[in-house]
Amino acid sequence: MFNQVFLDDFKREIKDVVSEAIDDKLQEDKVYNKNELMRHFQIGQSTLLEMHKKGLKCMKAGRQILYVHSDVIQFIKDNSK
């Protein structure tokens, strides 16, 4: 019914879509410390301070302040004009 080339292309496309969905989910659960967050989102300390003042969610682990990727993305969406 289907030729082998079509089936191979279909399998490759499904694999790519599933891999991308898994990568997206793993990225959402990533946790950053202050320096990692500033490097990843290319922001400075003053910008991060302003984000805190506006309500950016964070958690403390000992002396370290940590940020969950999905919380940061949600904060950006909620505070973008």
PDB file of N, CA and C in Angstrom:
ATOM      1  N   MET A   1       0.832  -1.189   0.000  1.00  0.00           N
ATOM      2  CA  MET A   1       0.000   0.000   0.000  1.00  0.00           C
ATOM      3  C   MET A   1       0.879   1.257   0.000  1.00  0.00           C
ATOM      4  N   PHE A   2       1.831   1.372   0.952  1.00  0.00           N
ATOM      5  CA  PHE A   2       2.762   2.498   0.996  1.00  0.00           C
ATOM      6  C   PHE A   2       4.141   2.004   0.611  1.00  0.00           C
ATOM      7  N   ASN A   3       4.896   2.830  -0.085  1.00  0.00           N
ATOM      8  CA  ASN A   3       6.249   2.396  -0.421  1.00  0.00           C
ATOM      9  C   ASN A   3       7.185   2.646   0.758  1.00  0.00           C
ATOM     10  N   GLN A   4       8.344   2.034   0.718  1.00  0.00           N
ATOM     11  CA  GLN A   4       9.282   2.092   1.837  1.00  0.00           C
ATOM     12  C   GLN A   4       9.816   3.508   2.080  1.00  0.00           C
ATOM     13  N   VAL A   5      10.030   4.275   1.039  1.00  0.00           N
ATOM     14  CA  VAL A   5      10.522   5.649   1.187  1.00  0.00           C
ATOM     15  C   VAL A   5       9.525   6.490   1.981  1.00  0.00           C
ATOM     16  N   PHE A   6       8.242   6.353   1.661  1.00  0.00           N
ATOM     17  CA  PHE A   6       7.202   7.084   2.391  1.00  0.00           C
ATOM     18  C   PHE A   6       7.200   6.685   3.860  1.00  0.00           C
ATOM     19  N   LEU A   7       7.263   5.388   4.133  1.00  0.00           N
ATOM     20  CA  LEU A   7       7.250   4.912   5.523  1.00  0.00           C
ATOM     21  C   LEU A   7       8.466   5.409   6.297  1.00  0.00           C
ATOM     22  N   ASP A   8       9.633   5.395   5.657  1.00  0.00           N
ATOM     23  CA  ASP A   8      10.842   5.881   6.326  1.00  0.00           C
ATOM     24  C   ASP A   8      10.739   7.372   6.639  1.00  0.00           C
ATOM     25  N   ASP A   9      10.238   8.151   5.683  1.00  0.00           N
ATOM     26  CA  ASP A   9      10.052   9.591   5.910  1.00  0.00           C
ATOM     27  C   ASP A   9       9.039   9.852   7.008  1.00  0.00           C
ATOM     28  N   PHE A  10       7.970   9.070   7.017  1.00  0.00           N
ATOM     29  CA  PHE A  10       6.926   9.216   8.035  1.00  0.00           C
ATOM     30  C   PHE A  10       7.486   8.914   9.423  1.00  0.00           C
ATOM     31  N   LYS A  11       8.252   7.832   9.534  1.00  0.00           N
ATOM     32  CA  LYS A  11       8.861   7.459  10.813  1.00  0.00           C
ATOM     33  C   LYS A  11       9.816   8.559  11.296  1.00  0.00           C
ATOM     34  N   ARG A  12      10.614   9.097  10.396  1.00  0.00           N
ATOM     35  CA  ARG A  12      11.569  10.147  10.746  1.00  0.00           C
ATOM     36  C   ARG A  12      10.836  11.399  11.232  1.00  0.00           C
ATOM     37  N   GLU A  13       9.759  11.743  10.554  1.00  0.00           N
ATOM     38  CA  GLU A  13       8.982  12.927  10.942  1.00  0.00           C
ATOM     39  C   GLU A  13       8.353  12.740  12.322  1.00  0.00           C
ATOM     40  N   ILE A  14       7.784  11.574  12.575  1.00  0.00           N
ATOM     41  CA  ILE A  14       7.189  11.271  13.898  1.00  0.00           C
ATOM     42  C   ILE A  14       8.263  11.340  14.974  1.00  0.00           C
ATOM     43  N   LYS A  15       9.430  10.768  14.693  1.00  0.00           N
ATOM     44  CA  LYS A  15      10.530  10.780  15.661  1.00  0.00           C
ATOM     45  C   LYS A  15      10.940  12.214  15.982  1.00  0.00           C
ATOM     46  N   ASP A  16      11.034  13.069  14.968  1.00  0.00           N
ATOM     47  CA  ASP A  16      11.413  14.466  15.177  1.00  0.00           C
ATOM     48  C   ASP A  16      10.391  15.209  16.031  1.00  0.00           C
ATOM     49  N   VAL A  17       9.116  14.991  15.760  1.00  0.00           N
ATOM     50  CA  VAL A  17       8.055  15.668  16.514  1.00  0.00           C
ATOM     51  C   VAL A  17       8.074  15.224  17.973  1.00  0.00           C
ATOM     52  N   VAL A  18       8.219  13.928  18.213  1.00  0.00           N
ATOM     53  CA  VAL A  18       8.240  13.408  19.581  1.00  0.00           C
ATOM     54  C   VAL A  18       9.482  13.907  20.317  1.00  0.00           C
ATOM     55  N   SER A  19      10.630  13.900  19.653  1.00  0.00           N
ATOM     56  CA  SER A  19      11.864  14.385  20.279  1.00  0.00           C
ATOM     57  C   SER A  19      11.748  15.851  20.662  1.00  0.00           C
ATOM     58  N   GLU A  20      11.174  16.654  19.787  1.00  0.00           N
ATOM     59  CA  GLU A  20      11.005  18.075  20.073  1.00  0.00           C
ATOM     60  C   GLU A  20      10.070  18.289  21.259  1.00  0.00           C
ATOM     61  N   ALA A  21       8.996  17.506  21.343  1.00  0.00           N
ATOM     62  CA  ALA A  21       8.057  17.632  22.465  1.00  0.00           C
ATOM     63  C   ALA A  21       8.729  17.251  23.779  1.00  0.00           C
ATOM     64  N   ILE A  22       9.532  16.211  23.754  1.00  0.00           N
ATOM     65  CA  ILE A  22      10.247  15.787  24.967  1.00  0.00           C
ATOM     66  C   ILE A  22      11.257  16.847  25.377  1.00  0.00           C
ATOM     67  N   ASP A  23      12.005  17.384  24.426  1.00  0.00           N
ATOM     68  CA  ASP A  23      12.981  18.437  24.729  1.00  0.00           C
ATOM     69  C   ASP A  23      12.309  19.662  25.331  1.00  0.00           C
ATOM     70  N   ASP A  24      11.155  20.045  24.787  1.00  0.00           N
ATOM     71  CA  ASP A  24      10.410  21.193  25.314  1.00  0.00           C
ATOM     72  C   ASP A  24       9.997  20.950  26.760  1.00  0.00           C
ATOM     73  N   LYS A  25       9.519  19.746  27.045  1.00  0.00           N
ATOM     74  CA  LYS A  25       9.076  19.423  28.409  1.00  0.00           C
ATOM     75  C   LYS A  25      10.257  19.439  29.372  1.00  0.00           C
ATOM     76  N   LEU A  26      11.389  18.890  28.952  1.00  0.00           N
ATOM     77  CA  LEU A  26      12.569  18.900  29.812  1.00  0.00           C
ATOM     78  C   LEU A  26      13.051  20.319  30.060  1.00  0.00           C
ATOM     79  N   GLN A  27      12.974  21.162  29.062  1.00  0.00           N
ATOM     80  CA  GLN A  27      13.398  22.552  29.199  1.00  0.00           C
ATOM     81  C   GLN A  27      12.504  23.294  30.183  1.00  0.00           C
ATOM     82  N   GLU A  28      11.207  23.002  30.194  1.00  0.00           N
ATOM     83  CA  GLU A  28      10.273  23.658  31.120  1.00  0.00           C
ATOM     84  C   GLU A  28      10.643  23.386  32.567  1.00  0.00           C
ATOM     85  N   ASP A  29      11.172  22.189  32.841  1.00  0.00           N
ATOM     86  CA  ASP A  29      11.466  21.785  34.208  1.00  0.00           C
ATOM     87  C   ASP A  29      12.881  22.154  34.647  1.00  0.00           C
ATOM     88  N   LYS A  30      13.642  22.794  33.788  1.00  0.00           N
ATOM     89  CA  LYS A  30      15.014  23.167  34.123  1.00  0.00           C
ATOM     90  C   LYS A  30      15.012  24.208  35.227  1.00  0.00           C
ATOM     91  N   VAL A  31      15.973  24.070  36.132  1.00  0.00           N
ATOM     92  CA  VAL A  31      16.113  24.994  37.249  1.00  0.00           C
ATOM     93  C   VAL A  31      17.437  25.742  37.080  1.00  0.00           C
ATOM     94  N   TYR A  32      17.391  27.061  37.237  1.00  0.00           N
ATOM     95  CA  TYR A  32      18.565  27.916  37.082  1.00  0.00           C
ATOM     96  C   TYR A  32      18.928  28.569  38.406  1.00  0.00           C
ATOM     97  N   ASN A  33      20.223  28.763  38.643  1.00  0.00           N
ATOM     98  CA  ASN A  33      20.617  29.667  39.712  1.00  0.00           C
ATOM     99  C   ASN A  33      20.680  31.064  39.108  1.00  0.00           C
ATOM    100  N   LYS A  34      21.037  32.061  39.897  1.00  0.00           N
ATOM    101  CA  LYS A  34      21.006  33.452  39.423  1.00  0.00           C
ATOM    102  C   LYS A  34      21.888  33.661  38.190  1.00  0.00           C
ATOM    103  N   ASN A  35      23.113  33.186  38.239  1.00  0.00           N
ATOM    104  CA  ASN A  35      24.041  33.394  37.125  1.00  0.00           C
ATOM    105  C   ASN A  35      23.603  32.652  35.869  1.00  0.00           C
ATOM    106  N   GLU A  36      23.120  31.428  36.028  1.00  0.00           N
ATOM    107  CA  GLU A  36      22.645  30.661  34.872  1.00  0.00           C
ATOM    108  C   GLU A  36      21.442  31.341  34.221  1.00  0.00           C
ATOM    109  N   LEU A  37      20.541  31.856  35.055  1.00  0.00           N
ATOM    110  CA  LEU A  37      19.353  32.543  34.536  1.00  0.00           C
ATOM    111  C   LEU A  37      19.745  33.782  33.737  1.00  0.00           C
ATOM    112  N   MET A  38      20.648  34.571  34.286  1.00  0.00           N
ATOM    113  CA  MET A  38      21.079  35.784  33.584  1.00  0.00           C
ATOM    114  C   MET A  38      21.785  35.433  32.275  1.00  0.00           C
ATOM    115  N   ARG A  39      22.578  34.379  32.280  1.00  0.00           N
ATOM    116  CA  ARG A  39      23.272  33.977  31.063  1.00  0.00           C
ATOM    117  C   ARG A  39      22.293  33.423  30.030  1.00  0.00           C
ATOM    118  N   HIS A  40      21.366  32.574  30.457  1.00  0.00           N
ATOM    119  CA  HIS A  40      20.427  31.935  29.530  1.00  0.00           C
ATOM    120  C   HIS A  40      19.499  32.961  28.869  1.00  0.00           C
ATOM    121  N   PHE A  41      18.973  33.877  29.667  1.00  0.00           N
ATOM    122  CA  PHE A  41      18.025  34.859  29.142  1.00  0.00           C
ATOM    123  C   PHE A  41      18.709  36.162  28.712  1.00  0.00           C
ATOM    124  N   GLN A  42      20.021  36.209  28.850  1.00  0.00           N
ATOM    125  CA  GLN A  42      20.827  37.367  28.454  1.00  0.00           C
ATOM    126  C   GLN A  42      20.311  38.659  29.081  1.00  0.00           C
ATOM    127  N   ILE A  43      20.211  38.611  30.408  1.00  0.00           N
ATOM    128  CA  ILE A  43      19.778  39.785  31.171  1.00  0.00           C
ATOM    129  C   ILE A  43      20.848  40.117  32.202  1.00  0.00           C
ATOM    130  N   GLY A  44      20.824  41.335  32.673  1.00  0.00           N
ATOM    131  CA  GLY A  44      21.767  41.772  33.693  1.00  0.00           C
ATOM    132  C   GLY A  44      21.166  41.698  35.083  1.00  0.00           C
ATOM    133  N   GLN A  45      22.000  42.023  36.055  1.00  0.00           N
ATOM    134  CA  GLN A  45      21.569  41.976  37.446  1.00  0.00           C
ATOM    135  C   GLN A  45      20.445  42.964  37.732  1.00  0.00           C
ATOM    136  N   SER A  46      20.521  44.157  37.141  1.00  0.00           N
ATOM    137  CA  SER A  46      19.481  45.162  37.396  1.00  0.00           C
ATOM    138  C   SER A  46      18.134  44.707  36.822  1.00  0.00           C
ATOM    139  N   THR A  47      18.161  44.047  35.666  1.00  0.00           N
ATOM    140  CA  THR A  47      16.917  43.534  35.075  1.00  0.00           C
ATOM    141  C   THR A  47      16.331  42.447  35.958  1.00  0.00           C
ATOM    142  N   LEU A  48      17.187  41.565  36.457  1.00  0.00           N
ATOM    143  CA  LEU A  48      16.717  40.501  37.346  1.00  0.00           C
ATOM    144  C   LEU A  48      16.116  41.089  38.617  1.00  0.00           C
ATOM    145  N   LEU A  49      16.736  42.131  39.158  1.00  0.00           N
ATOM    146  CA  LEU A  49      16.208  42.798  40.353  1.00  0.00           C
ATOM    147  C   LEU A  49      14.820  43.379  40.079  1.00  0.00           C
ATOM    148  N   GLU A  50      14.653  44.015  38.924  1.00  0.00           N
ATOM    149  CA  GLU A  50      13.343  44.558  38.538  1.00  0.00           C
ATOM    150  C   GLU A  50      12.308  43.444  38.397  1.00  0.00           C
ATOM    151  N   MET A  51      12.722  42.323  37.835  1.00  0.00           N
ATOM    152  CA  MET A  51      11.803  41.186  37.696  1.00  0.00           C
ATOM    153  C   MET A  51      11.359  40.686  39.061  1.00  0.00           C
ATOM    154  N   HIS A  52      12.289  40.661  40.042  1.00  0.00           N
ATOM    155  CA  HIS A  52      11.935  40.274  41.407  1.00  0.00           C
ATOM    156  C   HIS A  52      10.910  41.233  41.994  1.00  0.00           C
ATOM    157  N   LYS A  53      11.145  42.521  41.800  1.00  0.00           N
ATOM    158  CA  LYS A  53      10.225  43.527  42.338  1.00  0.00           C
ATOM    159  C   LYS A  53       8.823  43.382  41.755  1.00  0.00           C
ATOM    160  N   LYS A  54       8.759  42.921  40.513  1.00  0.00           N
ATOM    161  CA  LYS A  54       7.469  42.748  39.846  1.00  0.00           C
ATOM    162  C   LYS A  54       6.835  41.388  40.135  1.00  0.00           C
ATOM    163  N   GLY A  55       7.527  40.532  40.904  1.00  0.00           N
ATOM    164  CA  GLY A  55       6.906  39.291  41.341  1.00  0.00           C
ATOM    165  C   GLY A  55       7.411  38.000  40.721  1.00  0.00           C
ATOM    166  N   LEU A  56       8.622  37.982  40.187  1.00  0.00           N
ATOM    167  CA  LEU A  56       9.181  36.749  39.640  1.00  0.00           C
ATOM    168  C   LEU A  56       9.285  35.696  40.740  1.00  0.00           C
ATOM    169  N   LYS A  57       8.746  34.511  40.482  1.00  0.00           N
ATOM    170  CA  LYS A  57       8.791  33.432  41.463  1.00  0.00           C
ATOM    171  C   LYS A  57      10.198  32.859  41.547  1.00  0.00           C
ATOM    172  N   CYS A  58      10.612  32.573  42.773  1.00  0.00           N
ATOM    173  CA  CYS A  58      11.898  31.926  42.997  1.00  0.00           C
ATOM    174  C   CYS A  58      11.784  31.058  44.244  1.00  0.00           C
ATOM    175  N   MET A  59      12.788  30.242  44.449  1.00  0.00           N
ATOM    176  CA  MET A  59      12.820  29.412  45.662  1.00  0.00           C
ATOM    177  C   MET A  59      14.240  29.419  46.188  1.00  0.00           C
ATOM    178  N   LYS A  60      14.372  29.179  47.468  1.00  0.00           N
ATOM    179  CA  LYS A  60      15.683  29.187  48.091  1.00  0.00           C
ATOM    180  C   LYS A  60      16.082  27.769  48.455  1.00  0.00           C
ATOM    181  N   ALA A  61      17.332  27.453  48.160  1.00  0.00           N
ATOM    182  CA  ALA A  61      17.927  26.180  48.561  1.00  0.00           C
ATOM    183  C   ALA A  61      19.228  26.534  49.265  1.00  0.00           C
ATOM    184  N   GLY A  62      19.182  26.568  50.568  1.00  0.00           N
ATOM    185  CA  GLY A  62      20.340  27.024  51.325  1.00  0.00           C
ATOM    186  C   GLY A  62      20.543  28.502  51.080  1.00  0.00           C
ATOM    187  N   ARG A  63      21.718  28.877  50.592  1.00  0.00           N
ATOM    188  CA  ARG A  63      22.004  30.282  50.300  1.00  0.00           C
ATOM    189  C   ARG A  63      21.688  30.651  48.860  1.00  0.00           C
ATOM    190  N   GLN A  64      21.337  29.651  48.070  1.00  0.00           N
ATOM    191  CA  GLN A  64      21.144  29.877  46.643  1.00  0.00           C
ATOM    192  C   GLN A  64      19.683  30.156  46.303  1.00  0.00           C
ATOM    193  N   ILE A  65      19.469  31.102  45.407  1.00  0.00           N
ATOM    194  CA  ILE A  65      18.132  31.401  44.897  1.00  0.00           C
ATOM    195  C   ILE A  65      18.002  30.702  43.550  1.00  0.00           C
ATOM    196  N   LEU A  66      16.917  29.942  43.371  1.00  0.00           N
ATOM    197  CA  LEU A  66      16.716  29.163  42.158  1.00  0.00           C
ATOM    198  C   LEU A  66      15.441  29.586  41.450  1.00  0.00           C
ATOM    199  N   TYR A  67      15.447  29.408  40.139  1.00  0.00           N
ATOM    200  CA  TYR A  67      14.326  29.802  39.291  1.00  0.00           C
ATOM    201  C   TYR A  67      13.960  28.636  38.378  1.00  0.00           C
ATOM    202  N   VAL A  68      12.676  28.338  38.255  1.00  0.00           N
ATOM    203  CA  VAL A  68      12.195  27.284  37.358  1.00  0.00           C
ATOM    204  C   VAL A  68      11.895  27.920  35.999  1.00  0.00           C
ATOM    205  N   HIS A  69      12.375  27.278  34.944  1.00  0.00           N
ATOM    206  CA  HIS A  69      12.237  27.807  33.585  1.00  0.00           C
ATOM    207  C   HIS A  69      10.790  28.173  33.256  1.00  0.00           C
ATOM    208  N   SER A  70       9.861  27.284  33.554  1.00  0.00           N
ATOM    209  CA  SER A  70       8.457  27.548  33.204  1.00  0.00           C
ATOM    210  C   SER A  70       7.904  28.749  33.961  1.00  0.00           C
ATOM    211  N   ASP A  71       8.368  28.982  35.194  1.00  0.00           N
ATOM    212  CA  ASP A  71       7.934  30.157  35.959  1.00  0.00           C
ATOM    213  C   ASP A  71       8.460  31.442  35.326  1.00  0.00           C
ATOM    214  N   VAL A  72       9.696  31.400  34.850  1.00  0.00           N
ATOM    215  CA  VAL A  72      10.289  32.584  34.216  1.00  0.00           C
ATOM    216  C   VAL A  72       9.551  32.903  32.918  1.00  0.00           C
ATOM    217  N   ILE A  73       9.281  31.880  32.117  1.00  0.00           N
ATOM    218  CA  ILE A  73       8.560  32.075  30.857  1.00  0.00           C
ATOM    219  C   ILE A  73       7.171  32.649  31.135  1.00  0.00           C
ATOM    220  N   GLN A  74       6.484  32.117  32.127  1.00  0.00           N
ATOM    221  CA  GLN A  74       5.143  32.609  32.473  1.00  0.00           C
ATOM    222  C   GLN A  74       5.209  34.060  32.936  1.00  0.00           C
ATOM    223  N   PHE A  75       6.221  34.400  33.724  1.00  0.00           N
ATOM    224  CA  PHE A  75       6.400  35.777  34.191  1.00  0.00           C
ATOM    225  C   PHE A  75       6.595  36.710  32.999  1.00  0.00           C
ATOM    226  N   ILE A  76       7.421  36.297  32.045  1.00  0.00           N
ATOM    227  CA  ILE A  76       7.669  37.127  30.855  1.00  0.00           C
ATOM    228  C   ILE A  76       6.391  37.320  30.062  1.00  0.00           C
ATOM    229  N   LYS A  77       5.626  36.248  29.891  1.00  0.00           N
ATOM    230  CA  LYS A  77       4.355  36.347  29.145  1.00  0.00           C
ATOM    231  C   LYS A  77       3.382  37.284  29.867  1.00  0.00           C
ATOM    232  N   ASP A  78       3.291  37.154  31.179  1.00  0.00           N
ATOM    233  CA  ASP A  78       2.351  37.963  31.949  1.00  0.00           C
ATOM    234  C   ASP A  78       2.753  39.439  32.000  1.00  0.00           C
ATOM    235  N   ASN A  79       4.036  39.727  31.886  1.00  0.00           N
ATOM    236  CA  ASN A  79       4.525  41.093  32.034  1.00  0.00           C
ATOM    237  C   ASN A  79       4.971  41.745  30.742  1.00  0.00           C
ATOM    238  N   SER A  80       4.762  41.085  29.619  1.00  0.00           N
ATOM    239  CA  SER A  80       5.133  41.712  28.340  1.00  0.00           C
ATOM    240  C   SER A  80       3.967  42.576  27.854  1.00  0.00           C
ATOM    241  N   LYS A  81       4.296  43.629  27.164  1.00  0.00           N
ATOM    242  CA  LYS A  81       3.256  44.570  26.732  1.00  0.00           C
ATOM    243  C   LYS A  81       2.828  44.291  25.327  1.00  0.00           C
TER     244      LYS A  81
END
